[in-house]
Amino acid sequence: MNRQYTESKKFTSFDKSFSSNIIFSEPDKYKLLEEVSYKSGNIINMGSNLSYSPLGFFKNSLSVNIKSFNRVLEFDRIKKTITVEAGLTLIELLDFTLKHNLWIPQLPGYPTITIGGAVAANSHGKSCATHGTIRKSIKSILLFHKNHGWLNLSENENKEIFELTIGGLGLTGTIVSVTFNLADIKNSNFITQKEKVNSINESKKIILEDCKDLPYIYSWNRADNIKSFGKGIVYKNYIDETPNTFKNFQKVKSNFRPFFLPLWNKYSIKIVNFFYLKLNQSSKTRQKENFLKVIFPFYGNESYFNFFGKKGFIESQLLIDEKKLDAFIDEFKTLFNKYEPTITLFSLKNMSGEKKFLRFEDNKICITFDYINNEKNLLFMSKVDGLYNKYDILPSIIKDSRISKETFRNSYKEEFLSFKEKLKNFDNKRIYQSEVSNRLEI
């Protein structure tokens, strides 16, 4: 391979669970993308490297970083469509579209995630019960594959590869550009209402029954001790109906620098959660909040991740049927009592969609837990893994980097087999591979 455009680097997954020495390239021209791809063996694509699991690299393989492909290629205000290169970040996309009172509502939780990364992960946001995943906004994709060349993907052209690519973890090739159907948005500010809850049942009732038609609704619940388990706040976000003139977002530097020693422990978590809950209970129950705070709450609050220290964290995101949630939580709490895990974050929201291939998507409740990465928590999580089959739970392989091959296959079942077969038919040499796809034998 021509080393002029490549270099050796060491990369670490965002959750700090996995590191590897790789070959790295950041082409800034399509011809260069072709050249480095043709001269490589195994390839995988990388954006901002903000996926919790190691989706953008694999030992001694080429990682193609797409961040130099960051242009807006075409915009039609009347048809409400936009074509952008895959290296454009979410905040750059929004800076352009919100001026026209347009956006895509399926936004993952950090603004410097790239468009290509969001599509490859089939990302979702807080309103996934109403708006589903980013798949719902995609009109077409331009893909480059080492053996198949340049491919236009849509519902009408190369449909099967189109379906495999959305949520396909970059395994079908390099996403170069994406065309979106945009949605109207009246205002870039939100009105937030808060409601105190004393249990998971209360959270579930508000989210699924009392406010089932509200797009932006989710909970923050305590899981730092069994006595306070489930106490928390349900947040309801409404788009402000007052007309406003959008101004470009004020950017801040992403300060992801974990401390040498972790600051999160069972004592600090309990203290922070206690005061966070008290603060929310004592503040106004209805207040105006800006777009960044509502849609990207960790932007400017990166200390949350830095507090995990050099060993990082593990996030478990699960989809479960609402009718099975209560029984699952009961068993979860039984295991909690026995193993006493340290959990920094616990949240619920609703989701809608179709379970297909590797996509984390279904008409189910979405539960999120963040754990300190230590042996005690890993043991607890392995016990929770044992409940997945019983409650037909779908875990996110994008978020949880310690999921085993057996757990993955038992959870994704025939959808995994279908994806693997169709991907093999398209790329029988399986050129595009990551640490995750290798570990799970996708």
Protein backbone atom coordinates (compact mmCIF):
# COMPACT_ATOMS: atom_id res chain seq x y z
CA MET A 1 0.00 0.00 0.00
CA ASN A 2 1.16 3.55 -0.71
CA ARG A 3 2.09 4.86 2.74
CA GLN A 4 1.96 8.46 1.59
CA TYR A 5 -1.74 8.58 2.45
CA THR A 6 -1.78 6.22 5.43
CA GLU A 7 -0.22 6.10 8.87
CA SER A 8 -0.14 3.78 11.86
CA LYS A 9 -2.18 4.91 14.84
CA LYS A 10 -3.62 3.56 18.04
CA PHE A 11 -7.34 4.06 18.58
CA THR A 12 -9.56 3.44 21.60
CA SER A 13 -13.32 3.00 21.64
CA PHE A 14 -15.29 5.81 23.23
CA ASP A 15 -16.21 3.67 26.25
CA LYS A 16 -12.48 2.87 26.73
CA SER A 17 -13.11 -0.86 26.61
CA PHE A 18 -10.98 -1.65 23.58
CA SER A 19 -7.78 -0.31 21.94
CA SER A 20 -5.96 -1.37 18.81
CA ASN A 21 -3.13 -0.39 16.49
CA ILE A 22 -4.52 0.30 13.04
CA ILE A 23 -3.68 1.76 9.64
CA PHE A 24 -5.37 5.14 9.30
CA SER A 25 -6.24 7.25 6.29
CA GLU A 26 -8.25 10.44 5.90
CA PRO A 27 -8.78 10.95 2.16
CA ASP A 28 -9.94 14.37 1.05
CA LYS A 29 -10.76 13.43 -2.55
CA TYR A 30 -12.90 10.65 -3.96
CA LYS A 31 -10.00 9.44 -6.12
CA LEU A 32 -7.89 9.08 -3.02
CA LEU A 33 -10.68 7.11 -1.33
CA GLU A 34 -10.63 4.76 -4.30
CA GLU A 35 -6.84 4.47 -4.24
CA VAL A 36 -6.43 3.65 -0.53
CA SER A 37 -9.36 1.21 -0.70
CA TYR A 38 -8.06 -0.65 -3.76
CA LYS A 39 -4.67 -1.12 -2.13
CA SER A 40 -6.03 -2.38 1.19
CA GLY A 41 -7.11 -5.76 2.47
CA ASN A 42 -9.67 -5.32 5.22
CA ILE A 43 -11.29 -1.88 5.53
CA ILE A 44 -13.70 -0.17 7.91
CA ASN A 45 -15.03 3.37 8.07
CA MET A 46 -14.59 5.92 10.83
CA GLY A 47 -16.27 9.24 11.54
CA SER A 48 -15.79 11.02 14.86
CA ASN A 49 -15.03 7.74 16.71
CA LEU A 50 -17.86 8.49 19.15
CA SER A 51 -19.55 5.09 18.94
CA TYR A 52 -19.28 3.45 22.33
CA SER A 53 -18.30 0.09 20.81
CA PRO A 54 -15.26 -0.21 18.51
CA LEU A 55 -17.16 0.04 15.22
CA GLY A 56 -14.60 2.17 13.37
CA PHE A 57 -11.41 0.14 13.63
CA PHE A 58 -9.96 -3.36 13.62
CA LYS A 59 -6.44 -4.53 14.43
CA ASN A 60 -3.99 -3.98 11.54
CA SER A 61 -6.83 -3.04 9.17
CA LEU A 62 -7.38 0.21 7.31
CA SER A 63 -9.71 2.72 8.95
CA VAL A 64 -10.96 5.23 6.39
CA ASN A 65 -11.87 8.45 8.16
CA ILE A 66 -14.54 10.36 6.21
CA LYS A 67 -14.39 13.68 8.07
CA SER A 68 -12.84 15.56 5.14
CA PHE A 69 -15.96 14.82 3.11
CA ASN A 70 -18.05 17.45 4.87
CA ARG A 71 -19.83 19.52 2.22
CA VAL A 72 -23.47 20.35 1.63
CA LEU A 73 -23.88 19.19 -1.96
CA GLU A 74 -27.47 20.08 -2.77
CA PHE A 75 -30.45 21.68 -1.05
CA ASP A 76 -34.04 22.07 -2.25
CA ARG A 77 -36.13 24.26 0.04
CA ILE A 78 -39.34 23.54 -1.85
CA LYS A 79 -38.97 19.75 -1.89
CA LYS A 80 -37.40 19.82 1.59
CA THR A 81 -34.45 17.63 0.66
CA ILE A 82 -30.74 18.00 1.30
CA THR A 83 -27.71 16.01 0.11
CA VAL A 84 -24.64 16.13 2.32
CA GLU A 85 -21.35 14.30 2.48
CA ALA A 86 -21.02 11.70 5.18
CA GLY A 87 -18.28 13.47 7.11
CA LEU A 88 -20.51 16.44 7.89
CA THR A 89 -21.36 16.56 11.58
CA LEU A 90 -24.88 16.83 12.98
CA ILE A 91 -24.27 20.33 14.30
CA GLU A 92 -22.99 21.45 10.89
CA LEU A 93 -26.09 20.00 9.23
CA LEU A 94 -28.36 21.76 11.73
CA ASP A 95 -26.55 25.07 11.32
CA PHE A 96 -27.59 24.93 7.69
CA THR A 97 -31.13 23.50 7.89
CA LEU A 98 -32.48 25.31 10.95
CA LYS A 99 -32.07 28.64 9.15
CA HIS A 100 -34.81 27.33 6.87
CA ASN A 101 -36.88 25.95 9.77
CA LEU A 102 -36.05 22.40 8.67
CA TRP A 103 -34.26 19.48 10.29
CA ILE A 104 -34.14 15.73 10.80
CA PRO A 105 -35.61 14.84 14.22
CA GLN A 106 -33.76 11.52 14.67
CA LEU A 107 -30.65 12.95 16.30
CA PRO A 108 -28.32 10.90 18.53
CA GLY A 109 -27.00 12.49 21.69
CA TYR A 110 -23.85 14.33 20.63
CA PRO A 111 -23.56 17.01 17.92
CA THR A 112 -20.15 16.12 16.46
CA ILE A 113 -21.28 12.65 15.38
CA THR A 114 -20.95 12.43 11.60
CA ILE A 115 -23.81 11.82 9.19
CA GLY A 116 -22.17 8.63 7.96
CA GLY A 117 -21.80 7.33 11.50
CA ALA A 118 -25.42 8.12 12.34
CA VAL A 119 -26.65 6.29 9.23
CA ALA A 120 -24.38 3.28 9.76
CA ALA A 121 -25.69 3.02 13.33
CA ASN A 122 -29.33 3.77 12.38
CA SER A 123 -29.28 6.33 15.18
CA HIS A 124 -32.29 7.56 17.09
CA GLY A 125 -33.01 10.44 19.43
CA LYS A 126 -35.33 11.33 22.27
CA SER A 127 -38.41 11.31 20.02
CA CYS A 128 -37.93 7.79 18.67
CA ALA A 129 -41.45 6.76 19.67
CA THR A 130 -42.85 9.32 17.22
CA HIS A 131 -40.10 9.78 14.65
CA GLY A 132 -38.45 6.36 14.76
CA THR A 133 -34.81 6.06 13.74
CA ILE A 134 -32.82 8.03 11.18
CA ARG A 135 -33.87 5.46 8.59
CA LYS A 136 -37.20 7.29 8.36
CA SER A 137 -35.50 10.45 7.03
CA ILE A 138 -33.13 8.88 4.48
CA LYS A 139 -34.05 9.24 0.82
CA SER A 140 -30.87 7.89 -0.79
CA ILE A 141 -27.22 7.03 -0.16
CA LEU A 142 -24.09 7.15 -2.31
CA LEU A 143 -21.87 4.20 -1.36
CA PHE A 144 -18.36 3.27 -2.44
CA HIS A 145 -17.30 -0.37 -2.30
CA LYS A 146 -13.82 -1.60 -3.11
CA ASN A 147 -15.10 -4.31 -5.48
CA HIS A 148 -18.46 -2.93 -6.60
CA GLY A 149 -17.40 0.68 -7.11
CA TRP A 150 -19.87 3.54 -6.77
CA LEU A 151 -23.47 2.60 -5.99
CA ASN A 152 -26.62 4.70 -5.69
CA LEU A 153 -28.88 3.25 -3.00
CA SER A 154 -32.55 4.00 -2.39
CA GLU A 155 -35.96 2.36 -2.24
CA ASN A 156 -35.91 2.34 -6.05
CA GLU A 157 -32.29 1.48 -6.75
CA ASN A 158 -30.21 -1.28 -5.15
CA LYS A 159 -32.86 -1.52 -2.48
CA GLU A 160 -31.43 -4.58 -0.72
CA ILE A 161 -28.03 -2.90 -0.24
CA PHE A 162 -29.84 0.28 0.83
CA GLU A 163 -31.55 -1.71 3.59
CA LEU A 164 -28.32 -3.45 4.59
CA THR A 165 -26.41 -0.16 4.76
CA ILE A 166 -28.75 1.67 7.15
CA GLY A 167 -27.77 0.27 10.53
CA GLY A 168 -25.24 -1.99 8.81
CA LEU A 169 -22.29 -0.72 10.90
CA GLY A 170 -20.29 0.30 7.81
CA LEU A 171 -19.97 -3.31 6.64
CA THR A 172 -21.39 -2.72 3.14
CA GLY A 173 -18.80 -0.10 2.16
CA THR A 174 -18.04 3.57 2.65
CA ILE A 175 -21.04 5.88 2.90
CA VAL A 176 -19.94 8.95 0.95
CA SER A 177 -23.09 11.07 0.85
CA VAL A 178 -26.69 10.93 2.05
CA THR A 179 -29.87 12.60 0.85
CA PHE A 180 -32.43 13.36 3.55
CA ASN A 181 -36.09 14.25 3.51
CA LEU A 182 -36.31 17.15 5.93
CA ALA A 183 -39.10 17.94 8.39
CA ASP A 184 -40.48 21.31 9.44
CA ILE A 185 -39.57 22.80 12.80
CA LYS A 186 -41.13 26.08 13.95
CA ASN A 187 -38.57 27.03 16.54
CA SER A 188 -35.13 25.98 17.72
CA ASN A 189 -36.10 26.45 21.37
CA PHE A 190 -38.03 24.07 23.59
CA ILE A 191 -40.34 24.32 26.57
CA THR A 192 -39.47 21.66 29.14
CA GLN A 193 -41.84 20.34 31.79
CA LYS A 194 -40.71 18.11 34.63
CA GLU A 195 -42.75 15.64 36.65
CA LYS A 196 -41.52 13.85 39.75
CA VAL A 197 -41.90 10.05 39.87
CA ASN A 198 -41.35 7.57 42.69
CA SER A 199 -41.06 4.35 40.69
CA ILE A 200 -40.49 2.81 37.29
CA ASN A 201 -44.21 2.08 37.11
CA GLU A 202 -44.98 5.77 37.42
CA SER A 203 -42.43 6.61 34.72
CA LYS A 204 -43.87 3.98 32.41
CA LYS A 205 -47.45 5.16 32.95
CA ILE A 206 -46.59 8.79 32.11
CA ILE A 207 -44.52 7.87 29.05
CA LEU A 208 -46.85 5.22 27.60
CA GLU A 209 -50.30 6.37 28.70
CA ASP A 210 -50.61 9.91 30.01
CA CYS A 211 -48.33 11.47 27.38
CA LYS A 212 -48.21 8.80 24.68
CA ASP A 213 -48.66 11.35 21.87
CA LEU A 214 -45.89 13.64 23.07
CA PRO A 215 -42.79 13.18 20.86
CA TYR A 216 -40.12 14.25 23.35
CA ILE A 217 -40.58 12.40 26.62
CA TYR A 218 -38.09 10.39 28.63
CA SER A 219 -37.11 9.73 32.22
CA TRP A 220 -34.11 9.99 34.50
CA ASN A 221 -34.30 7.47 37.35
CA ARG A 222 -32.09 6.63 40.28
CA ALA A 223 -30.35 3.25 40.43
CA ASP A 224 -27.66 3.99 43.00
CA ASN A 225 -29.36 2.04 45.80
CA ILE A 226 -32.33 -0.28 46.12
CA LYS A 227 -34.29 1.99 48.44
CA SER A 228 -34.36 4.87 45.94
CA PHE A 229 -34.45 2.66 42.85
CA GLY A 230 -36.76 4.19 40.22
CA LYS A 231 -37.25 7.58 41.85
CA GLY A 232 -36.65 10.36 39.40
CA ILE A 233 -37.99 12.84 36.88
CA VAL A 234 -39.93 12.52 33.63
CA TYR A 235 -38.96 15.23 31.15
CA LYS A 236 -41.44 16.48 28.57
CA ASN A 237 -40.05 18.69 25.82
CA TYR A 238 -42.31 20.77 23.59
CA ILE A 239 -41.06 22.74 20.60
CA ASP A 240 -41.66 26.42 21.35
CA GLU A 241 -44.41 27.69 19.05
CA THR A 242 -43.14 31.28 19.21
CA PRO A 243 -41.43 32.20 15.90
CA ASN A 244 -37.71 32.88 16.19
CA THR A 245 -34.76 33.62 13.95
CA PHE A 246 -32.14 30.92 14.18
CA LYS A 247 -28.51 31.87 14.76
CA ASN A 248 -25.65 29.43 14.29
CA PHE A 249 -24.88 27.39 17.36
CA GLN A 250 -22.05 28.52 19.59
CA LYS A 251 -19.54 25.71 19.37
CA VAL A 252 -17.59 24.41 22.34
CA LYS A 253 -14.54 22.20 22.29
CA SER A 254 -15.33 18.56 22.97
CA ASN A 255 -13.32 17.91 26.11
CA PHE A 256 -13.27 14.12 26.37
CA ARG A 257 -10.26 13.62 28.63
CA PRO A 258 -10.86 10.98 31.27
CA PHE A 259 -9.24 11.49 34.63
CA PHE A 260 -6.45 9.11 35.56
CA LEU A 261 -8.50 7.81 38.50
CA PRO A 262 -12.29 7.49 38.42
CA LEU A 263 -14.39 9.97 40.35
CA TRP A 264 -17.56 7.93 40.01
CA ASN A 265 -18.10 5.41 42.82
CA LYS A 266 -21.10 4.24 44.83
CA TYR A 267 -20.76 7.20 47.23
CA SER A 268 -20.27 9.97 44.69
CA ILE A 269 -23.08 8.62 42.50
CA LYS A 270 -25.49 8.55 45.44
CA ILE A 271 -24.58 12.11 46.47
CA VAL A 272 -24.80 13.52 42.93
CA ASN A 273 -28.11 11.77 42.23
CA PHE A 274 -29.59 12.97 45.52
CA PHE A 275 -28.77 16.60 44.82
CA TYR A 276 -29.66 16.35 41.12
CA LEU A 277 -33.12 15.08 42.06
CA LYS A 278 -33.56 17.76 44.74
CA LEU A 279 -32.46 20.48 42.31
CA ASN A 280 -34.97 19.32 39.70
CA GLN A 281 -37.75 19.15 42.28
CA SER A 282 -37.05 22.65 43.59
CA SER A 283 -36.61 24.37 40.20
CA LYS A 284 -39.42 25.51 37.93
CA THR A 285 -41.53 22.66 36.59
CA ARG A 286 -41.85 24.49 33.26
CA GLN A 287 -39.05 26.45 31.63
CA LYS A 288 -37.61 27.45 28.25
CA GLU A 289 -34.47 25.58 27.16
CA ASN A 290 -32.28 25.95 24.11
CA PHE A 291 -31.92 23.36 21.37
CA LEU A 292 -28.46 22.11 22.35
CA LYS A 293 -29.39 21.48 25.97
CA VAL A 294 -32.47 19.44 25.04
CA ILE A 295 -31.18 17.48 22.03
CA PHE A 296 -27.49 17.18 23.00
CA PRO A 297 -27.45 17.25 26.83
CA PHE A 298 -23.82 16.06 27.14
CA TYR A 299 -22.49 18.83 24.88
CA GLY A 300 -20.45 20.96 27.25
CA ASN A 301 -21.01 18.40 30.02
CA GLU A 302 -18.33 15.92 28.96
CA SER A 303 -17.14 15.67 32.57
CA TYR A 304 -19.79 13.01 33.07
CA PHE A 305 -17.74 10.67 30.87
CA ASN A 306 -14.38 11.92 32.13
CA PHE A 307 -15.39 10.99 35.70
CA PHE A 308 -15.28 7.29 34.74
CA GLY A 309 -11.50 7.51 34.49
CA LYS A 310 -9.12 5.63 32.24
CA LYS A 311 -11.03 2.36 32.45
CA GLY A 312 -14.15 4.01 31.10
CA PHE A 313 -17.71 2.77 31.32
CA ILE A 314 -20.15 0.32 29.79
CA GLU A 315 -23.56 1.31 28.51
CA SER A 316 -26.35 -1.20 28.20
CA GLN A 317 -29.29 -0.14 26.05
CA LEU A 318 -32.17 -2.59 25.82
CA LEU A 319 -35.49 -2.88 24.01
CA ILE A 320 -38.24 -4.72 25.89
CA ASP A 321 -41.97 -5.15 25.44
CA GLU A 322 -43.92 -2.89 27.80
CA LYS A 323 -45.92 -5.90 29.07
CA LYS A 324 -42.70 -7.60 30.17
CA LEU A 325 -41.01 -4.57 31.70
CA ASP A 326 -42.39 -4.95 35.24
CA ALA A 327 -41.33 -8.58 35.57
CA PHE A 328 -37.89 -7.82 34.12
CA ILE A 329 -37.37 -4.91 36.53
CA ASP A 330 -38.35 -7.16 39.45
CA GLU A 331 -35.69 -9.70 38.48
CA PHE A 332 -33.21 -6.90 37.77
CA LYS A 333 -33.75 -5.56 41.30
CA THR A 334 -33.28 -9.04 42.78
CA LEU A 335 -29.91 -9.28 41.02
CA PHE A 336 -29.19 -5.68 42.08
CA ASN A 337 -29.70 -6.63 45.73
CA LYS A 338 -27.34 -9.57 45.38
CA TYR A 339 -24.49 -8.05 43.33
CA GLU A 340 -24.78 -4.33 44.24
CA PRO A 341 -23.66 -2.85 40.90
CA THR A 342 -22.62 0.79 40.53
CA ILE A 343 -24.92 2.42 37.97
CA THR A 344 -24.48 6.07 37.09
CA LEU A 345 -27.43 6.50 34.71
CA PHE A 346 -30.85 4.87 34.29
CA SER A 347 -33.39 6.13 31.77
CA LEU A 348 -36.55 5.09 29.93
CA LYS A 349 -38.17 6.20 26.68
CA ASN A 350 -40.49 4.65 24.14
CA MET A 351 -39.51 3.57 20.63
CA SER A 352 -41.29 2.66 17.41
CA GLY A 353 -39.96 0.83 14.39
CA GLU A 354 -39.31 -2.47 12.66
CA LYS A 355 -36.90 -5.08 13.97
CA LYS A 356 -34.73 -5.96 11.00
CA PHE A 357 -31.14 -7.04 10.43
CA LEU A 358 -28.73 -5.48 12.97
CA ARG A 359 -30.87 -2.43 13.68
CA PHE A 360 -31.65 -1.50 17.26
CA GLU A 361 -35.27 -0.75 16.48
CA ASP A 362 -38.70 -2.08 17.46
CA ASN A 363 -42.05 -1.10 18.99
CA LYS A 364 -40.78 -1.43 22.54
CA ILE A 365 -39.56 0.41 25.63
CA CYS A 366 -35.92 1.53 25.49
CA ILE A 367 -34.00 1.22 28.78
CA THR A 368 -30.50 2.62 29.26
CA PHE A 369 -28.01 1.85 32.03
CA ASP A 370 -24.48 3.23 32.40
CA TYR A 371 -22.08 1.19 34.52
CA ILE A 372 -18.61 1.77 35.89
CA ASN A 373 -16.29 -0.66 34.12
CA ASN A 374 -15.15 -3.07 36.81
CA GLU A 375 -15.28 -6.80 37.51
CA LYS A 376 -18.20 -6.54 39.89
CA ASN A 377 -20.37 -4.78 37.34
CA LEU A 378 -19.30 -7.09 34.54
CA LEU A 379 -20.46 -10.05 36.62
CA PHE A 380 -23.79 -8.35 37.31
CA MET A 381 -24.26 -7.53 33.63
CA SER A 382 -23.56 -11.12 32.65
CA LYS A 383 -26.38 -12.20 34.99
CA VAL A 384 -28.71 -9.65 33.38
CA ASP A 385 -27.70 -11.03 29.96
CA GLY A 386 -29.22 -14.29 31.10
CA LEU A 387 -32.65 -12.63 31.19
CA TYR A 388 -32.64 -11.51 27.55
CA ASN A 389 -34.16 -14.67 26.10
CA LYS A 390 -36.75 -14.95 28.84
CA TYR A 391 -38.05 -11.42 28.19
CA ASP A 392 -37.30 -11.24 24.46
CA ILE A 393 -34.90 -8.32 25.00
CA LEU A 394 -32.90 -6.76 22.17
CA PRO A 395 -29.53 -5.30 23.32
CA SER A 396 -27.71 -2.60 21.37
CA ILE A 397 -24.38 -3.82 19.97
CA ILE A 398 -23.52 -0.20 19.16
CA LYS A 399 -23.61 0.77 22.83
CA ASP A 400 -22.52 -2.38 24.70
CA SER A 401 -19.01 -3.45 23.70
CA ARG A 402 -18.85 -6.52 25.97
CA ILE A 403 -21.80 -8.43 24.48
CA SER A 404 -20.76 -11.98 23.66
CA LYS A 405 -21.31 -13.74 20.36
CA GLU A 406 -23.78 -16.11 22.02
CA THR A 407 -25.84 -13.32 23.61
CA PHE A 408 -25.89 -11.41 20.32
CA ARG A 409 -27.02 -14.40 18.25
CA ASN A 410 -29.67 -15.46 20.75
CA SER A 411 -31.07 -11.92 20.76
CA TYR A 412 -30.95 -11.06 17.06
CA LYS A 413 -31.73 -14.62 15.90
CA GLU A 414 -32.95 -14.89 12.31
CA GLU A 415 -32.44 -11.17 11.66
CA PHE A 416 -28.70 -11.61 12.19
CA LEU A 417 -28.63 -14.69 9.95
CA SER A 418 -30.53 -12.85 7.22
CA PHE A 419 -28.15 -9.89 7.40
CA LYS A 420 -25.09 -12.10 7.31
CA GLU A 421 -26.34 -14.11 4.33
CA LYS A 422 -27.30 -11.04 2.29
CA LEU A 423 -24.03 -9.29 3.15
CA LYS A 424 -22.07 -12.38 2.09
CA ASN A 425 -23.95 -12.48 -1.22
CA PHE A 426 -23.06 -8.84 -1.82
CA ASP A 427 -19.45 -9.02 -0.58
CA ASN A 428 -18.29 -12.64 -0.57
CA LYS A 429 -14.78 -11.62 0.53
CA ARG A 430 -16.14 -9.68 3.52
CA ILE A 431 -13.77 -6.79 2.96
CA TYR A 432 -15.31 -4.34 5.43
CA GLN A 433 -14.82 -5.52 9.01
CA SER A 434 -14.52 -3.94 12.45
CA GLU A 435 -13.56 -5.26 15.86
CA VAL A 436 -17.28 -5.65 16.62
CA SER A 437 -18.13 -7.52 13.43
CA ASN A 438 -15.11 -9.80 13.92
CA ARG A 439 -15.90 -10.52 17.57
CA LEU A 440 -19.57 -11.25 16.85
CA GLU A 441 -18.73 -13.09 13.61
CA ILE A 442 -21.11 -11.01 11.54
